[in-house]
C-alpha atoms as a PDB file:
ATOM      1  CA  MET A   1      -0.037   0.003   0.076  1.00  0.00           C
ATOM      2  CA  LYS A   2       1.396   3.317  -0.993  1.00  0.00           C
ATOM      3  CA  ARG A   3       1.144   6.230   1.543  1.00  0.00           C
ATOM      4  CA  SER A   4       0.500   8.527  -1.325  1.00  0.00           C
ATOM      5  CA  ASP A   5      -2.904   6.765  -1.739  1.00  0.00           C
ATOM      6  CA  LEU A   6      -4.016   7.794   1.789  1.00  0.00           C
ATOM      7  CA  ARG A   7      -5.574  11.100   3.210  1.00  0.00           C
ATOM      8  CA  ILE A   8      -5.762  11.974   6.804  1.00  0.00           C
ATOM      9  CA  GLY A   9      -8.993  10.400   8.131  1.00  0.00           C
ATOM     10  CA  ASN A  10      -8.884   7.300   5.823  1.00  0.00           C
ATOM     11  CA  THR A  11      -9.541   4.069   7.707  1.00  0.00           C
ATOM     12  CA  ILE A  12      -6.868   1.507   7.520  1.00  0.00           C
ATOM     13  CA  LEU A  13      -5.441  -1.558   9.544  1.00  0.00           C
ATOM     14  CA  ILE A  14      -2.501  -1.571  11.813  1.00  0.00           C
ATOM     15  CA  GLN A  15      -1.567  -4.917  13.270  1.00  0.00           C
ATOM     16  CA  GLY A  16      -5.243  -6.164  12.279  1.00  0.00           C
ATOM     17  CA  GLU A  17      -7.037  -3.291  14.065  1.00  0.00           C
ATOM     18  CA  PRO A  18      -8.833  -0.511  12.185  1.00  0.00           C
ATOM     19  CA  PHE A  19      -7.557   3.091  12.786  1.00  0.00           C
ATOM     20  CA  ASN A  20      -8.330   6.351  11.134  1.00  0.00           C
ATOM     21  CA  VAL A  21      -5.018   7.793   9.615  1.00  0.00           C
ATOM     22  CA  ASP A  22      -3.456  10.793  11.231  1.00  0.00           C
ATOM     23  CA  MET A  23      -0.301  12.761  10.489  1.00  0.00           C
ATOM     24  CA  PHE A  24       1.835  10.388  12.606  1.00  0.00           C
ATOM     25  CA  MET A  25       0.615   7.245  10.864  1.00  0.00           C
ATOM     26  CA  MET A  26       1.552   8.760   7.453  1.00  0.00           C
ATOM     27  CA  THR A  27       5.195   7.868   8.379  1.00  0.00           C
ATOM     28  CA  MET A  28       4.655   4.306   9.467  1.00  0.00           C
ATOM     29  CA  ASP A  29       5.455   1.255   7.365  1.00  0.00           C
ATOM     30  CA  ASN A  30       3.045  -1.353   8.651  1.00  0.00           C
ATOM     31  CA  LEU A  31      -0.189   0.126   7.339  1.00  0.00           C
ATOM     32  CA  GLU A  32      -2.648  -2.370   5.600  1.00  0.00           C
ATOM     33  CA  PRO A  33      -5.621  -1.501   3.410  1.00  0.00           C
ATOM     34  CA  ILE A  34      -9.054  -2.828   4.507  1.00  0.00           C
ATOM     35  CA  PRO A  35     -10.744  -4.955   1.847  1.00  0.00           C
ATOM     36  CA  LEU A  36     -14.154  -3.359   0.809  1.00  0.00           C
ATOM     37  CA  THR A  37     -16.815  -5.796   1.851  1.00  0.00           C
ATOM     38  CA  GLU A  38     -20.565  -5.592   2.365  1.00  0.00           C
ATOM     39  CA  ASP A  39     -19.975  -5.303   6.096  1.00  0.00           C
ATOM     40  CA  TRP A  40     -17.684  -2.209   5.615  1.00  0.00           C
ATOM     41  CA  LEU A  41     -20.173  -0.626   3.173  1.00  0.00           C
ATOM     42  CA  PHE A  42     -22.869  -0.879   5.854  1.00  0.00           C
ATOM     43  CA  LEU A  43     -20.416   0.646   8.430  1.00  0.00           C
ATOM     44  CA  LEU A  44     -19.774   3.504   6.089  1.00  0.00           C
ATOM     45  CA  GLY A  45     -23.478   4.234   5.840  1.00  0.00           C
ATOM     46  CA  PHE A  46     -24.423   2.546   2.534  1.00  0.00           C
ATOM     47  CA  LYS A  47     -27.637   0.579   2.326  1.00  0.00           C
ATOM     48  CA  LEU A  48     -28.720  -2.243   0.089  1.00  0.00           C
ATOM     49  CA  ASP A  49     -31.537  -1.585  -2.404  1.00  0.00           C
ATOM     50  CA  THR A  50     -33.040  -2.371  -5.824  1.00  0.00           C
ATOM     51  CA  LEU A  51     -33.197   0.574  -8.195  1.00  0.00           C
ATOM     52  CA  VAL A  52     -35.385  -1.242 -10.671  1.00  0.00           C
ATOM     53  CA  GLU A  53     -37.331  -4.370 -10.235  1.00  0.00           C
ATOM     54  CA  GLY A  54     -35.623  -7.234 -11.919  1.00  0.00           C
ATOM     55  CA  GLN A  55     -32.308  -5.645 -11.817  1.00  0.00           C
ATOM     56  CA  PRO A  56     -29.458  -6.726  -9.370  1.00  0.00           C
ATOM     57  CA  PRO A  57     -29.488  -4.936  -6.021  1.00  0.00           C
ATOM     58  CA  VAL A  58     -27.045  -1.965  -5.381  1.00  0.00           C
ATOM     59  CA  TYR A  59     -25.528  -0.394  -2.425  1.00  0.00           C
ATOM     60  CA  TYR A  60     -26.485   3.305  -2.069  1.00  0.00           C
ATOM     61  CA  ILE A  61     -25.773   6.140   0.333  1.00  0.00           C
ATOM     62  CA  THR A  62     -28.534   8.402   1.313  1.00  0.00           C
ATOM     63  CA  GLY A  63     -28.434  12.056   0.161  1.00  0.00           C
ATOM     64  CA  HIS A  64     -25.875  11.486  -2.679  1.00  0.00           C
ATOM     65  CA  TYR A  65     -26.263   9.783  -6.062  1.00  0.00           C
ATOM     66  CA  MET A  66     -23.482   7.310  -5.403  1.00  0.00           C
ATOM     67  CA  TYR A  67     -24.296   3.538  -5.891  1.00  0.00           C
ATOM     68  CA  ILE A  68     -21.931   0.619  -5.669  1.00  0.00           C
ATOM     69  CA  GLU A  69     -22.576  -2.480  -7.719  1.00  0.00           C
ATOM     70  CA  PRO A  70     -22.277  -5.491  -5.441  1.00  0.00           C
ATOM     71  CA  ILE A  71     -20.754  -7.897  -8.028  1.00  0.00           C
ATOM     72  CA  ASN A  72     -17.550  -6.014  -8.869  1.00  0.00           C
ATOM     73  CA  LEU A  73     -17.843  -3.038  -6.414  1.00  0.00           C
ATOM     74  CA  GLN A  74     -17.789  -0.467  -9.283  1.00  0.00           C
ATOM     75  CA  PRO A  75     -18.970   2.956  -8.351  1.00  0.00           C
ATOM     76  CA  MET A  76     -21.922   4.140 -10.189  1.00  0.00           C
ATOM     77  CA  ASP A  77     -23.825   7.533 -10.519  1.00  0.00           C
ATOM     78  CA  GLY A  78     -27.363   6.101 -11.211  1.00  0.00           C
ATOM     79  CA  GLY A  79     -26.913   3.691 -14.006  1.00  0.00           C
ATOM     80  CA  TYR A  80     -23.594   4.969 -15.255  1.00  0.00           C
ATOM     81  CA  PRO A  81     -20.136   3.964 -13.969  1.00  0.00           C
ATOM     82  CA  ILE A  82     -18.243   6.761 -12.342  1.00  0.00           C
ATOM     83  CA  CYS A  83     -14.772   5.381 -13.062  1.00  0.00           C
ATOM     84  CA  LYS A  84     -13.611   2.343 -14.838  1.00  0.00           C
ATOM     85  CA  TYR A  85     -11.847   0.520 -11.976  1.00  0.00           C
ATOM     86  CA  GLN A  86     -13.076  -1.676  -9.249  1.00  0.00           C
ATOM     87  CA  LEU A  87     -12.872  -0.502  -5.698  1.00  0.00           C
ATOM     88  CA  GLN A  88     -11.001  -2.906  -3.578  1.00  0.00           C
ATOM     89  CA  PHE A  89     -10.248  -1.080  -0.348  1.00  0.00           C
ATOM     90  CA  VAL A  90     -12.173   1.132   2.086  1.00  0.00           C
ATOM     91  CA  HIS A  91      -9.712   4.011   1.694  1.00  0.00           C
ATOM     92  CA  GLN A  92     -10.337   4.028  -2.095  1.00  0.00           C
ATOM     93  CA  LEU A  93     -14.053   4.415  -1.398  1.00  0.00           C
ATOM     94  CA  GLN A  94     -13.435   7.144   1.180  1.00  0.00           C
ATOM     95  CA  ASN A  95     -11.245   9.086  -1.287  1.00  0.00           C
ATOM     96  CA  LEU A  96     -13.602   8.840  -4.169  1.00  0.00           C
ATOM     97  CA  TYR A  97     -16.541   9.815  -1.968  1.00  0.00           C
ATOM     98  CA  PHE A  98     -14.533  12.978  -0.783  1.00  0.00           C
ATOM     99  CA  ALA A  99     -13.543  13.841  -4.306  1.00  0.00           C
ATOM    100  CA  LEU A 100     -17.306  13.695  -5.475  1.00  0.00           C
ATOM    101  CA  THR A 101     -18.920  15.299  -2.558  1.00  0.00           C
ATOM    102  CA  GLY A 102     -16.359  17.183  -0.468  1.00  0.00           C
ATOM    103  CA  LEU A 103     -17.503  15.235   2.563  1.00  0.00           C
ATOM    104  CA  GLU A 104     -15.785  12.569   4.649  1.00  0.00           C
ATOM    105  CA  LEU A 105     -17.182   9.123   4.520  1.00  0.00           C
ATOM    106  CA  ILE A 106     -16.788   7.920   8.121  1.00  0.00           C
ATOM    107  CA  ILE A 107     -17.983   4.837  10.025  1.00  0.00           C
ATOM    108  CA  ASP A 108     -21.524   5.285  11.344  1.00  0.00           C
END
C-alpha cells in the first residue's frame, strides 16, 4: 500500500485493528488496506436496495447519487459508472466519496 494513496482520516489496519489515519501514521510502514466488503459498506452508511425491479441490487448512500454495484464493487452514478476501476479497499471508497462530495465518509 502506497502512503500517497492515503488521506488523513482514511480508515486502515494497523496490526489487524482499524484506525483512522493521522499525521503520525503517514510515516509508518506497517499500514494495511481494509478490503471493501458488504460489512464495511454498511459501516460507512451504505444501504442495500434495488433501483429497478428485476435488476440486481445495489448499495447506495442516502443524500448522494452514489451507488456501488455488489458484484464487482464498481462505483456508479445512477446507472452509469463513475470510473472504470473496481474499488478494492475502504480508503479508495473514502477518497472517491470525498472527491465527489467534499464530505468525509466515516464509520456510522
